[in-house]
Amino acid sequence: MLAAVDFIEDGFRFYSFDPASAPQFQAIARLIDVHLSEPYSLYVYWYFFHEWPQYCFLVSTVGSLDIVGVVISKVEPHRAVRVRGYIGMLVIDPAFRGQGLAKKLVQLSIRKMVEWDHVDEIMLETEVDNLAALHLYELFGFLRTKRMHRYYLNGSDAFRLILPVLEKLGTRIAFLAPLDTSGKPGSACAVDSARC
């Protein structure tokens, strides 16, 4: 078993999910159900927690057991040639947004996938109109590889994003251009406002 994560930074405790803790499981499910647009069944949580409990990281305020953020990830072989990490869910309670918690959870997840399983790349999906999420992931170097129409149950499109961990995987010709939301002449938003 890999070493559990547990550290304090800027008044918040970042720590590993305890698979034996029913209260943690329920709190995570509640946080995701309330704050993500996509509904998930208990089976989805069980699947991630049973197969990859080491890749579920939580954040609470110091001195509290209330979970205010979670990232849930997994690592699997991809087409028998790569090891691919996947960030399945990232949620921060709205009362705690704007404090860099999402950034720290993503950074922790990426670091542990690289350290523990030597991933070649990390993938995720996010809604095309979730500009905050796109900005966050692009700060880490994620590149948009595909737009998936009506991907979510609510009818929203999604971008698939990939972070090439191995330098040879980062050839930009295989990726979509970065989203320019500036609205300046010649930008994607100025040419086609439906894209922004």
N, C-alpha and C. Protein backbone atom coordinates (compact mmCIF):
# COMPACT_ATOMS: atom_id res chain seq x y z
N MET A 1 0.84 -1.19 0.00
CA MET A 1 0.00 0.00 0.00
C MET A 1 0.89 1.25 0.00
N LEU A 2 0.50 2.24 -0.79
CA LEU A 2 1.26 3.48 -0.87
C LEU A 2 1.03 4.32 0.38
N ALA A 3 1.99 5.16 0.68
CA ALA A 3 1.88 6.02 1.86
C ALA A 3 0.72 6.99 1.70
N ALA A 4 -0.03 7.18 2.75
CA ALA A 4 -1.15 8.12 2.72
C ALA A 4 -0.61 9.55 2.72
N VAL A 5 -1.36 10.43 2.09
CA VAL A 5 -1.03 11.85 2.06
C VAL A 5 -1.72 12.51 3.24
N ASP A 6 -1.02 13.37 3.95
CA ASP A 6 -1.63 14.14 5.04
C ASP A 6 -0.71 15.31 5.38
N PHE A 7 -1.09 16.50 4.94
CA PHE A 7 -0.28 17.68 5.25
C PHE A 7 -1.18 18.90 5.39
N ILE A 8 -0.66 19.92 6.05
CA ILE A 8 -1.39 21.17 6.27
C ILE A 8 -0.68 22.28 5.51
N GLU A 9 -1.49 23.09 4.81
CA GLU A 9 -0.94 24.22 4.07
C GLU A 9 -1.98 25.34 4.04
N ASP A 10 -1.57 26.53 4.42
CA ASP A 10 -2.43 27.73 4.38
C ASP A 10 -3.76 27.54 5.10
N GLY A 11 -3.75 26.84 6.22
CA GLY A 11 -4.97 26.68 7.01
C GLY A 11 -5.88 25.55 6.55
N PHE A 12 -5.41 24.74 5.59
CA PHE A 12 -6.20 23.63 5.09
C PHE A 12 -5.42 22.33 5.24
N ARG A 13 -6.15 21.27 5.49
CA ARG A 13 -5.55 19.94 5.59
C ARG A 13 -5.85 19.17 4.31
N PHE A 14 -4.82 18.68 3.66
CA PHE A 14 -4.94 17.86 2.45
C PHE A 14 -4.58 16.44 2.85
N TYR A 15 -5.45 15.50 2.53
CA TYR A 15 -5.23 14.13 3.02
C TYR A 15 -5.90 13.11 2.12
N SER A 16 -5.44 11.86 2.27
CA SER A 16 -5.97 10.75 1.48
C SER A 16 -7.31 10.28 2.02
N PHE A 17 -8.13 9.81 1.12
CA PHE A 17 -9.41 9.18 1.46
C PHE A 17 -9.13 7.89 2.23
N ASP A 18 -9.94 7.65 3.24
CA ASP A 18 -9.86 6.41 4.02
C ASP A 18 -10.97 5.47 3.54
N PRO A 19 -10.64 4.42 2.79
CA PRO A 19 -11.68 3.53 2.24
C PRO A 19 -12.56 2.88 3.30
N ALA A 20 -12.10 2.81 4.53
CA ALA A 20 -12.89 2.20 5.61
C ALA A 20 -13.86 3.19 6.26
N SER A 21 -13.83 4.45 5.83
CA SER A 21 -14.65 5.48 6.46
C SER A 21 -15.95 5.73 5.70
N ALA A 22 -17.04 5.19 6.22
CA ALA A 22 -18.36 5.45 5.62
C ALA A 22 -18.71 6.93 5.66
N PRO A 23 -18.43 7.66 6.75
CA PRO A 23 -18.74 9.10 6.76
C PRO A 23 -18.00 9.88 5.67
N GLN A 24 -16.73 9.52 5.39
CA GLN A 24 -16.01 10.19 4.30
C GLN A 24 -16.67 9.89 2.96
N PHE A 25 -16.99 8.62 2.73
CA PHE A 25 -17.65 8.22 1.48
C PHE A 25 -18.92 9.03 1.28
N GLN A 26 -19.76 9.10 2.31
CA GLN A 26 -21.03 9.82 2.21
C GLN A 26 -20.82 11.31 2.00
N ALA A 27 -19.84 11.89 2.68
CA ALA A 27 -19.58 13.33 2.53
C ALA A 27 -19.08 13.66 1.13
N ILE A 28 -18.23 12.80 0.57
CA ILE A 28 -17.74 13.01 -0.79
C ILE A 28 -18.89 12.91 -1.79
N ALA A 29 -19.71 11.87 -1.66
CA ALA A 29 -20.85 11.70 -2.57
C ALA A 29 -21.78 12.90 -2.49
N ARG A 30 -22.04 13.39 -1.30
CA ARG A 30 -22.92 14.55 -1.12
C ARG A 30 -22.32 15.80 -1.78
N LEU A 31 -21.04 16.04 -1.56
CA LEU A 31 -20.36 17.20 -2.15
C LEU A 31 -20.43 17.17 -3.67
N ILE A 32 -20.18 16.01 -4.24
CA ILE A 32 -20.21 15.87 -5.70
C ILE A 32 -21.64 16.00 -6.22
N ASP A 33 -22.59 15.36 -5.57
CA ASP A 33 -23.98 15.42 -6.01
C ASP A 33 -24.51 16.85 -6.03
N VAL A 34 -24.12 17.64 -5.04
CA VAL A 34 -24.63 19.01 -4.93
C VAL A 34 -23.94 19.96 -5.90
N HIS A 35 -22.64 19.76 -6.16
CA HIS A 35 -21.89 20.80 -6.86
C HIS A 35 -21.39 20.44 -8.26
N LEU A 36 -21.62 19.22 -8.74
CA LEU A 36 -21.28 18.90 -10.12
C LEU A 36 -22.55 18.80 -10.95
N SER A 37 -22.47 19.21 -12.21
CA SER A 37 -23.66 19.19 -13.06
C SER A 37 -24.03 17.78 -13.49
N GLU A 38 -23.07 16.88 -13.52
CA GLU A 38 -23.32 15.51 -13.96
C GLU A 38 -23.70 14.63 -12.77
N PRO A 39 -24.85 13.96 -12.84
CA PRO A 39 -25.22 13.07 -11.72
C PRO A 39 -24.44 11.76 -11.80
N TYR A 40 -23.99 11.28 -10.66
CA TYR A 40 -23.27 10.02 -10.59
C TYR A 40 -23.98 9.09 -9.63
N SER A 41 -23.97 7.79 -9.95
CA SER A 41 -24.57 6.81 -9.04
C SER A 41 -23.54 6.41 -7.99
N LEU A 42 -24.01 5.80 -6.93
CA LEU A 42 -23.10 5.32 -5.89
C LEU A 42 -22.11 4.31 -6.44
N TYR A 43 -22.52 3.58 -7.49
CA TYR A 43 -21.62 2.61 -8.10
C TYR A 43 -20.36 3.28 -8.64
N VAL A 44 -20.51 4.46 -9.24
CA VAL A 44 -19.35 5.17 -9.79
C VAL A 44 -18.36 5.48 -8.68
N TYR A 45 -18.85 6.01 -7.56
CA TYR A 45 -17.95 6.30 -6.44
C TYR A 45 -17.29 5.02 -5.94
N TRP A 46 -18.10 3.99 -5.76
CA TRP A 46 -17.58 2.72 -5.26
C TRP A 46 -16.49 2.20 -6.19
N TYR A 47 -16.72 2.29 -7.50
CA TYR A 47 -15.75 1.83 -8.49
C TYR A 47 -14.41 2.53 -8.32
N PHE A 48 -14.41 3.86 -8.26
CA PHE A 48 -13.17 4.61 -8.08
C PHE A 48 -12.53 4.30 -6.73
N PHE A 49 -13.34 4.31 -5.67
CA PHE A 49 -12.80 4.13 -4.32
C PHE A 49 -12.28 2.71 -4.09
N HIS A 50 -12.92 1.73 -4.71
CA HIS A 50 -12.50 0.33 -4.54
C HIS A 50 -11.23 0.04 -5.33
N GLU A 51 -11.17 0.53 -6.57
CA GLU A 51 -10.04 0.23 -7.44
C GLU A 51 -8.83 1.13 -7.22
N TRP A 52 -9.07 2.41 -6.93
CA TRP A 52 -7.97 3.38 -6.81
C TRP A 52 -8.15 4.30 -5.60
N PRO A 53 -8.28 3.76 -4.40
CA PRO A 53 -8.50 4.62 -3.24
C PRO A 53 -7.34 5.58 -2.99
N GLN A 54 -6.15 5.20 -3.41
CA GLN A 54 -4.97 6.03 -3.20
C GLN A 54 -5.02 7.32 -4.00
N TYR A 55 -5.88 7.39 -5.01
CA TYR A 55 -5.97 8.58 -5.86
C TYR A 55 -7.19 9.44 -5.56
N CYS A 56 -7.70 9.33 -4.36
CA CYS A 56 -8.77 10.22 -3.90
C CYS A 56 -8.18 11.08 -2.79
N PHE A 57 -8.12 12.38 -3.05
CA PHE A 57 -7.54 13.32 -2.08
C PHE A 57 -8.60 14.32 -1.64
N LEU A 58 -8.58 14.61 -0.35
CA LEU A 58 -9.59 15.47 0.26
C LEU A 58 -8.94 16.71 0.84
N VAL A 59 -9.76 17.75 1.04
CA VAL A 59 -9.29 18.94 1.73
C VAL A 59 -10.37 19.38 2.71
N SER A 60 -9.91 19.74 3.91
CA SER A 60 -10.78 20.26 4.97
C SER A 60 -10.06 21.45 5.60
N THR A 61 -10.83 22.30 6.29
CA THR A 61 -10.17 23.34 7.06
C THR A 61 -9.51 22.67 8.26
N VAL A 62 -8.41 23.23 8.72
CA VAL A 62 -7.69 22.66 9.86
C VAL A 62 -8.62 22.64 11.07
N GLY A 63 -8.66 21.50 11.75
CA GLY A 63 -9.50 21.35 12.93
C GLY A 63 -10.92 20.93 12.66
N SER A 64 -11.25 20.70 11.39
CA SER A 64 -12.61 20.29 11.03
C SER A 64 -12.56 18.99 10.22
N LEU A 65 -13.58 18.19 10.36
CA LEU A 65 -13.70 16.97 9.55
C LEU A 65 -14.56 17.20 8.32
N ASP A 66 -15.14 18.40 8.18
CA ASP A 66 -15.99 18.70 7.03
C ASP A 66 -15.14 18.79 5.76
N ILE A 67 -15.48 17.99 4.78
CA ILE A 67 -14.75 17.96 3.52
C ILE A 67 -15.24 19.11 2.65
N VAL A 68 -14.31 19.98 2.22
CA VAL A 68 -14.68 21.13 1.39
C VAL A 68 -14.19 20.99 -0.05
N GLY A 69 -13.43 19.93 -0.33
CA GLY A 69 -12.96 19.69 -1.68
C GLY A 69 -12.48 18.27 -1.85
N VAL A 70 -12.55 17.79 -3.10
CA VAL A 70 -12.12 16.43 -3.40
C VAL A 70 -11.67 16.34 -4.85
N VAL A 71 -10.65 15.54 -5.09
CA VAL A 71 -10.28 15.14 -6.45
C VAL A 71 -10.22 13.62 -6.45
N ILE A 72 -10.83 13.03 -7.48
CA ILE A 72 -10.89 11.58 -7.61
C ILE A 72 -10.28 11.21 -8.95
N SER A 73 -9.26 10.37 -8.92
CA SER A 73 -8.52 10.02 -10.12
C SER A 73 -8.29 8.51 -10.18
N LYS A 74 -7.75 8.08 -11.31
CA LYS A 74 -7.38 6.68 -11.46
C LYS A 74 -6.21 6.58 -12.43
N VAL A 75 -5.59 5.41 -12.49
CA VAL A 75 -4.49 5.14 -13.41
C VAL A 75 -4.71 3.76 -14.00
N GLU A 76 -4.62 3.69 -15.35
CA GLU A 76 -4.81 2.42 -16.06
C GLU A 76 -3.91 2.38 -17.29
N PRO A 77 -3.63 1.18 -17.79
CA PRO A 77 -2.94 1.09 -19.08
C PRO A 77 -3.86 1.62 -20.17
N HIS A 78 -3.28 2.25 -21.19
CA HIS A 78 -4.05 2.76 -22.32
C HIS A 78 -3.50 2.14 -23.59
N ARG A 79 -4.33 1.34 -24.24
CA ARG A 79 -3.98 0.67 -25.50
C ARG A 79 -2.68 -0.11 -25.41
N ALA A 80 -2.40 -0.62 -24.24
CA ALA A 80 -1.24 -1.49 -23.99
C ALA A 80 0.11 -0.84 -24.30
N VAL A 81 0.13 0.47 -24.52
CA VAL A 81 1.41 1.13 -24.81
C VAL A 81 1.71 2.29 -23.87
N ARG A 82 0.70 2.78 -23.17
CA ARG A 82 0.90 3.91 -22.27
C ARG A 82 0.24 3.64 -20.94
N VAL A 83 0.70 4.36 -19.94
CA VAL A 83 0.03 4.38 -18.64
C VAL A 83 -0.65 5.73 -18.56
N ARG A 84 -1.98 5.70 -18.45
CA ARG A 84 -2.76 6.94 -18.49
C ARG A 84 -3.41 7.21 -17.14
N GLY A 85 -3.17 8.40 -16.64
CA GLY A 85 -3.90 8.88 -15.48
C GLY A 85 -5.19 9.54 -15.94
N TYR A 86 -6.16 9.56 -15.08
CA TYR A 86 -7.46 10.15 -15.43
C TYR A 86 -8.00 10.88 -14.20
N ILE A 87 -8.33 12.15 -14.36
CA ILE A 87 -8.98 12.91 -13.30
C ILE A 87 -10.47 12.85 -13.57
N GLY A 88 -11.17 12.10 -12.73
CA GLY A 88 -12.59 11.87 -12.95
C GLY A 88 -13.49 12.95 -12.38
N MET A 89 -13.15 13.45 -11.21
CA MET A 89 -13.99 14.45 -10.55
C MET A 89 -13.13 15.39 -9.73
N LEU A 90 -13.47 16.66 -9.79
CA LEU A 90 -12.83 17.68 -8.97
C LEU A 90 -13.93 18.62 -8.51
N VAL A 91 -14.08 18.75 -7.20
CA VAL A 91 -15.14 19.60 -6.65
C VAL A 91 -14.60 20.38 -5.46
N ILE A 92 -14.90 21.67 -5.44
CA ILE A 92 -14.62 22.52 -4.28
C ILE A 92 -15.95 23.15 -3.87
N ASP A 93 -16.27 23.08 -2.60
CA ASP A 93 -17.46 23.75 -2.07
C ASP A 93 -17.38 25.23 -2.45
N PRO A 94 -18.45 25.80 -3.03
CA PRO A 94 -18.41 27.20 -3.47
C PRO A 94 -17.98 28.19 -2.39
N ALA A 95 -18.26 27.89 -1.14
CA ALA A 95 -17.87 28.79 -0.04
C ALA A 95 -16.35 28.86 0.12
N PHE A 96 -15.62 27.92 -0.49
CA PHE A 96 -14.17 27.86 -0.33
C PHE A 96 -13.43 28.05 -1.65
N ARG A 97 -14.15 28.43 -2.70
CA ARG A 97 -13.50 28.66 -3.99
C ARG A 97 -12.71 29.97 -3.96
N GLY A 98 -11.78 30.09 -4.88
CA GLY A 98 -10.96 31.29 -4.97
C GLY A 98 -9.77 31.30 -4.02
N GLN A 99 -9.51 30.20 -3.36
CA GLN A 99 -8.40 30.10 -2.41
C GLN A 99 -7.29 29.17 -2.91
N GLY A 100 -7.39 28.75 -4.17
CA GLY A 100 -6.36 27.89 -4.74
C GLY A 100 -6.46 26.43 -4.38
N LEU A 101 -7.60 26.01 -3.80
CA LEU A 101 -7.73 24.62 -3.37
C LEU A 101 -7.80 23.66 -4.56
N ALA A 102 -8.54 24.03 -5.60
CA ALA A 102 -8.63 23.17 -6.79
C ALA A 102 -7.25 23.00 -7.41
N LYS A 103 -6.51 24.08 -7.50
CA LYS A 103 -5.16 24.02 -8.06
C LYS A 103 -4.28 23.07 -7.25
N LYS A 104 -4.36 23.17 -5.93
CA LYS A 104 -3.53 22.31 -5.08
C LYS A 104 -3.94 20.84 -5.18
N LEU A 105 -5.25 20.58 -5.28
CA LEU A 105 -5.70 19.19 -5.42
C LEU A 105 -5.27 18.60 -6.76
N VAL A 106 -5.39 19.38 -7.84
CA VAL A 106 -4.95 18.89 -9.16
C VAL A 106 -3.45 18.65 -9.15
N GLN A 107 -2.70 19.58 -8.58
CA GLN A 107 -1.26 19.43 -8.49
C GLN A 107 -0.87 18.18 -7.71
N LEU A 108 -1.55 17.94 -6.60
CA LEU A 108 -1.30 16.75 -5.78
C LEU A 108 -1.61 15.48 -6.57
N SER A 109 -2.74 15.47 -7.26
CA SER A 109 -3.14 14.30 -8.03
C SER A 109 -2.13 14.00 -9.14
N ILE A 110 -1.73 15.03 -9.88
CA ILE A 110 -0.75 14.86 -10.95
C ILE A 110 0.56 14.33 -10.38
N ARG A 111 1.03 14.97 -9.31
CA ARG A 111 2.31 14.58 -8.72
C ARG A 111 2.31 13.12 -8.28
N LYS A 112 1.22 12.68 -7.66
CA LYS A 112 1.17 11.30 -7.17
C LYS A 112 1.01 10.30 -8.31
N MET A 113 0.28 10.64 -9.36
CA MET A 113 0.17 9.73 -10.50
C MET A 113 1.53 9.53 -11.17
N VAL A 114 2.30 10.61 -11.27
CA VAL A 114 3.64 10.51 -11.86
C VAL A 114 4.58 9.75 -10.93
N GLU A 115 4.54 10.09 -9.64
CA GLU A 115 5.44 9.47 -8.66
C GLU A 115 5.15 7.99 -8.44
N TRP A 116 3.88 7.64 -8.26
CA TRP A 116 3.52 6.28 -7.90
C TRP A 116 3.39 5.33 -9.09
N ASP A 117 2.88 5.83 -10.22
CA ASP A 117 2.62 4.94 -11.35
C ASP A 117 3.32 5.35 -12.64
N HIS A 118 4.13 6.39 -12.59
CA HIS A 118 4.93 6.82 -13.75
C HIS A 118 4.06 6.97 -15.00
N VAL A 119 2.95 7.70 -14.87
CA VAL A 119 2.04 7.86 -16.00
C VAL A 119 2.73 8.57 -17.16
N ASP A 120 2.29 8.23 -18.37
CA ASP A 120 2.79 8.88 -19.59
C ASP A 120 1.97 10.12 -19.92
N GLU A 121 0.69 10.09 -19.54
CA GLU A 121 -0.22 11.20 -19.82
C GLU A 121 -1.36 11.16 -18.82
N ILE A 122 -2.04 12.30 -18.70
CA ILE A 122 -3.20 12.39 -17.81
C ILE A 122 -4.33 13.02 -18.60
N MET A 123 -5.51 12.43 -18.51
CA MET A 123 -6.66 12.86 -19.29
C MET A 123 -7.80 13.26 -18.38
N LEU A 124 -8.68 14.12 -18.90
CA LEU A 124 -9.92 14.47 -18.22
C LEU A 124 -10.88 15.06 -19.24
N GLU A 125 -12.11 15.24 -18.82
CA GLU A 125 -13.10 15.95 -19.62
C GLU A 125 -13.66 17.08 -18.78
N THR A 126 -14.03 18.17 -19.44
CA THR A 126 -14.72 19.26 -18.75
C THR A 126 -15.66 19.96 -19.73
N GLU A 127 -16.70 20.58 -19.19
CA GLU A 127 -17.67 21.26 -20.04
C GLU A 127 -17.00 22.41 -20.78
N VAL A 128 -17.38 22.60 -22.05
CA VAL A 128 -16.75 23.64 -22.86
C VAL A 128 -17.02 25.04 -22.32
N ASP A 129 -18.12 25.22 -21.60
CA ASP A 129 -18.42 26.55 -21.08
C ASP A 129 -17.91 26.76 -19.65
N ASN A 130 -17.17 25.81 -19.10
CA ASN A 130 -16.59 25.96 -17.77
C ASN A 130 -15.20 26.58 -17.93
N LEU A 131 -15.20 27.89 -18.15
CA LEU A 131 -13.95 28.59 -18.45
C LEU A 131 -12.97 28.56 -17.29
N ALA A 132 -13.47 28.57 -16.06
CA ALA A 132 -12.58 28.50 -14.89
C ALA A 132 -11.82 27.18 -14.89
N ALA A 133 -12.52 26.07 -15.17
CA ALA A 133 -11.86 24.76 -15.20
C ALA A 133 -10.87 24.69 -16.35
N LEU A 134 -11.27 25.17 -17.53
CA LEU A 134 -10.35 25.15 -18.67
C LEU A 134 -9.08 25.94 -18.36
N HIS A 135 -9.26 27.11 -17.76
CA HIS A 135 -8.10 27.93 -17.40
C HIS A 135 -7.19 27.20 -16.41
N LEU A 136 -7.80 26.61 -15.40
CA LEU A 136 -7.03 25.87 -14.39
C LEU A 136 -6.20 24.76 -15.05
N TYR A 137 -6.85 23.94 -15.85
CA TYR A 137 -6.15 22.81 -16.45
C TYR A 137 -5.09 23.26 -17.46
N GLU A 138 -5.38 24.32 -18.20
CA GLU A 138 -4.39 24.82 -19.16
C GLU A 138 -3.17 25.41 -18.45
N LEU A 139 -3.34 25.92 -17.23
CA LEU A 139 -2.20 26.38 -16.43
C LEU A 139 -1.22 25.23 -16.17
N PHE A 140 -1.74 24.02 -16.04
CA PHE A 140 -0.90 22.85 -15.79
C PHE A 140 -0.32 22.28 -17.08
N GLY A 141 -0.76 22.78 -18.23
CA GLY A 141 -0.25 22.29 -19.50
C GLY A 141 -1.17 21.32 -20.22
N PHE A 142 -2.40 21.14 -19.71
CA PHE A 142 -3.35 20.28 -20.41
C PHE A 142 -3.69 20.91 -21.77
N LEU A 143 -3.84 20.06 -22.77
CA LEU A 143 -4.16 20.49 -24.13
C LEU A 143 -5.49 19.87 -24.55
N ARG A 144 -6.30 20.68 -25.22
CA ARG A 144 -7.59 20.16 -25.69
C ARG A 144 -7.37 19.30 -26.93
N THR A 145 -7.88 18.06 -26.88
CA THR A 145 -7.67 17.13 -27.99
C THR A 145 -8.93 16.85 -28.77
N LYS A 146 -10.08 17.07 -28.17
CA LYS A 146 -11.32 16.71 -28.85
C LYS A 146 -12.49 17.45 -28.21
N ARG A 147 -13.44 17.86 -29.06
CA ARG A 147 -14.70 18.40 -28.56
C ARG A 147 -15.75 17.31 -28.76
N MET A 148 -16.42 16.97 -27.68
CA MET A 148 -17.42 15.90 -27.72
C MET A 148 -18.80 16.54 -27.56
N HIS A 149 -19.59 16.45 -28.62
CA HIS A 149 -20.90 17.11 -28.64
C HIS A 149 -21.90 16.34 -27.79
N ARG A 150 -22.65 17.10 -26.99
CA ARG A 150 -23.70 16.56 -26.12
C ARG A 150 -23.17 15.42 -25.24
N TYR A 151 -22.00 15.60 -24.71
CA TYR A 151 -21.31 14.58 -23.92
C TYR A 151 -21.98 14.34 -22.58
N TYR A 152 -22.43 15.40 -21.95
CA TYR A 152 -23.03 15.29 -20.62
C TYR A 152 -24.54 15.10 -20.71
N LEU A 153 -25.11 14.53 -19.66
CA LEU A 153 -26.55 14.27 -19.64
C LEU A 153 -27.38 15.53 -19.77
N ASN A 154 -26.82 16.67 -19.35
CA ASN A 154 -27.56 17.93 -19.47
C ASN A 154 -27.48 18.51 -20.88
N GLY A 155 -26.84 17.80 -21.80
CA GLY A 155 -26.75 18.22 -23.19
C GLY A 155 -25.53 19.06 -23.52
N SER A 156 -24.71 19.36 -22.54
CA SER A 156 -23.52 20.20 -22.75
C SER A 156 -22.43 19.43 -23.50
N ASP A 157 -21.68 20.19 -24.28
CA ASP A 157 -20.49 19.64 -24.93
C ASP A 157 -19.35 19.59 -23.92
N ALA A 158 -18.37 18.74 -24.22
CA ALA A 158 -17.18 18.64 -23.37
C ALA A 158 -15.93 18.71 -24.23
N PHE A 159 -14.86 19.20 -23.63
CA PHE A 159 -13.54 19.07 -24.21
C PHE A 159 -12.84 17.92 -23.50
N ARG A 160 -12.16 17.09 -24.27
CA ARG A 160 -11.22 16.13 -23.69
C ARG A 160 -9.88 16.84 -23.65
N LEU A 161 -9.25 16.82 -22.49
CA LEU A 161 -7.94 17.45 -22.32
C LEU A 161 -6.93 16.39 -21.92
N ILE A 162 -5.71 16.54 -22.43
CA ILE A 162 -4.64 15.61 -22.09
C ILE A 162 -3.41 16.40 -21.68
N LEU A 163 -2.80 15.96 -20.60
CA LEU A 163 -1.52 16.49 -20.16
C LEU A 163 -0.46 15.47 -20.55
N PRO A 164 0.36 15.78 -21.56
CA PRO A 164 1.43 14.85 -21.92
C PRO A 164 2.55 14.95 -20.90
N VAL A 165 2.78 13.89 -20.16
CA VAL A 165 3.82 13.89 -19.13
C VAL A 165 5.18 13.63 -19.77
N LEU A 166 5.22 12.70 -20.71
CA LEU A 166 6.45 12.46 -21.47
C LEU A 166 6.56 13.54 -22.53
N GLU A 167 7.72 14.14 -22.66
CA GLU A 167 7.90 15.26 -23.58
C GLU A 167 7.54 14.89 -25.01
N LYS A 168 7.85 13.66 -25.44
CA LYS A 168 7.57 13.25 -26.82
C LYS A 168 6.07 13.21 -27.13
N LEU A 169 5.23 13.14 -26.08
CA LEU A 169 3.79 13.11 -26.31
C LEU A 169 3.20 14.50 -26.52
N GLY A 170 3.98 15.55 -26.31
CA GLY A 170 3.46 16.91 -26.34
C GLY A 170 3.48 17.57 -27.69
N THR A 171 3.57 16.83 -28.77
CA THR A 171 3.56 17.42 -30.10
C THR A 171 2.21 18.08 -30.33
N ARG A 172 2.22 19.39 -30.50
CA ARG A 172 0.98 20.17 -30.53
C ARG A 172 0.13 19.91 -31.77
N ILE A 173 0.65 19.33 -32.82
CA ILE A 173 -0.15 19.15 -34.02
C ILE A 173 -1.36 18.27 -33.78
N ALA A 174 -1.32 17.48 -32.73
CA ALA A 174 -2.43 16.56 -32.44
C ALA A 174 -3.50 17.20 -31.56
N PHE A 175 -3.33 18.47 -31.18
CA PHE A 175 -4.23 19.08 -30.23
C PHE A 175 -4.96 20.28 -30.83
N LEU A 176 -6.10 20.62 -30.25
CA LEU A 176 -6.85 21.81 -30.65
C LEU A 176 -6.13 23.05 -30.17
N ALA A 177 -6.33 24.16 -30.85
CA ALA A 177 -5.71 25.42 -30.44
C ALA A 177 -6.27 25.86 -29.09
N PRO A 178 -5.46 26.55 -28.28
CA PRO A 178 -5.97 27.05 -26.99
C PRO A 178 -7.15 27.98 -27.20
N LEU A 179 -8.06 27.98 -26.27
CA LEU A 179 -9.25 28.81 -26.34
C LEU A 179 -8.87 30.25 -26.02
N ASP A 180 -9.14 31.18 -26.96
CA ASP A 180 -8.88 32.60 -26.74
C ASP A 180 -10.21 33.25 -26.40
N THR A 181 -10.37 33.66 -25.17
CA THR A 181 -11.63 34.26 -24.71
C THR A 181 -11.52 35.77 -24.60
N SER A 182 -10.49 36.35 -25.21
CA SER A 182 -10.27 37.79 -25.06
C SER A 182 -11.28 38.61 -25.84
N GLY A 183 -11.80 38.07 -26.95
CA GLY A 183 -12.74 38.83 -27.78
C GLY A 183 -12.04 39.82 -28.69
N LYS A 184 -10.70 39.82 -28.73
CA LYS A 184 -9.95 40.73 -29.59
C LYS A 184 -10.17 40.34 -31.04
N PRO A 185 -10.05 41.31 -31.97
CA PRO A 185 -10.20 40.99 -33.39
C PRO A 185 -9.28 39.83 -33.78
N GLY A 186 -9.85 38.89 -34.51
CA GLY A 186 -9.10 37.73 -34.95
C GLY A 186 -9.11 36.57 -33.97
N SER A 187 -9.58 36.81 -32.74
CA SER A 187 -9.63 35.73 -31.76
C SER A 187 -10.83 34.85 -32.04
N ALA A 188 -10.83 33.66 -31.47
CA ALA A 188 -11.94 32.73 -31.68
C ALA A 188 -13.25 33.34 -31.22
N CYS A 189 -13.23 34.11 -30.13
CA CYS A 189 -14.46 34.71 -29.61
C CYS A 189 -14.97 35.82 -30.52
N ALA A 190 -14.06 36.57 -31.14
CA ALA A 190 -14.49 37.64 -32.02
C ALA A 190 -15.06 37.08 -33.31
N VAL A 191 -14.49 35.97 -33.79
CA VAL A 191 -14.93 35.38 -35.04
C VAL A 191 -16.21 34.57 -34.86
N ASP A 192 -16.30 33.82 -33.80
CA ASP A 192 -17.45 32.94 -33.57
C ASP A 192 -17.79 32.98 -32.08
N SER A 193 -18.70 33.85 -31.70
CA SER A 193 -19.03 34.01 -30.28
C SER A 193 -19.67 32.76 -29.70
N ALA A 194 -20.19 31.87 -30.53
CA ALA A 194 -20.79 30.63 -30.03
C ALA A 194 -19.72 29.71 -29.44
N ARG A 195 -18.46 29.92 -29.81
CA ARG A 195 -17.38 29.08 -29.30
C ARG A 195 -16.93 29.49 -27.90
N CYS A 196 -17.37 30.65 -27.43
CA CYS A 196 -16.85 31.16 -26.14
C CYS A 196 -17.92 31.20 -25.07
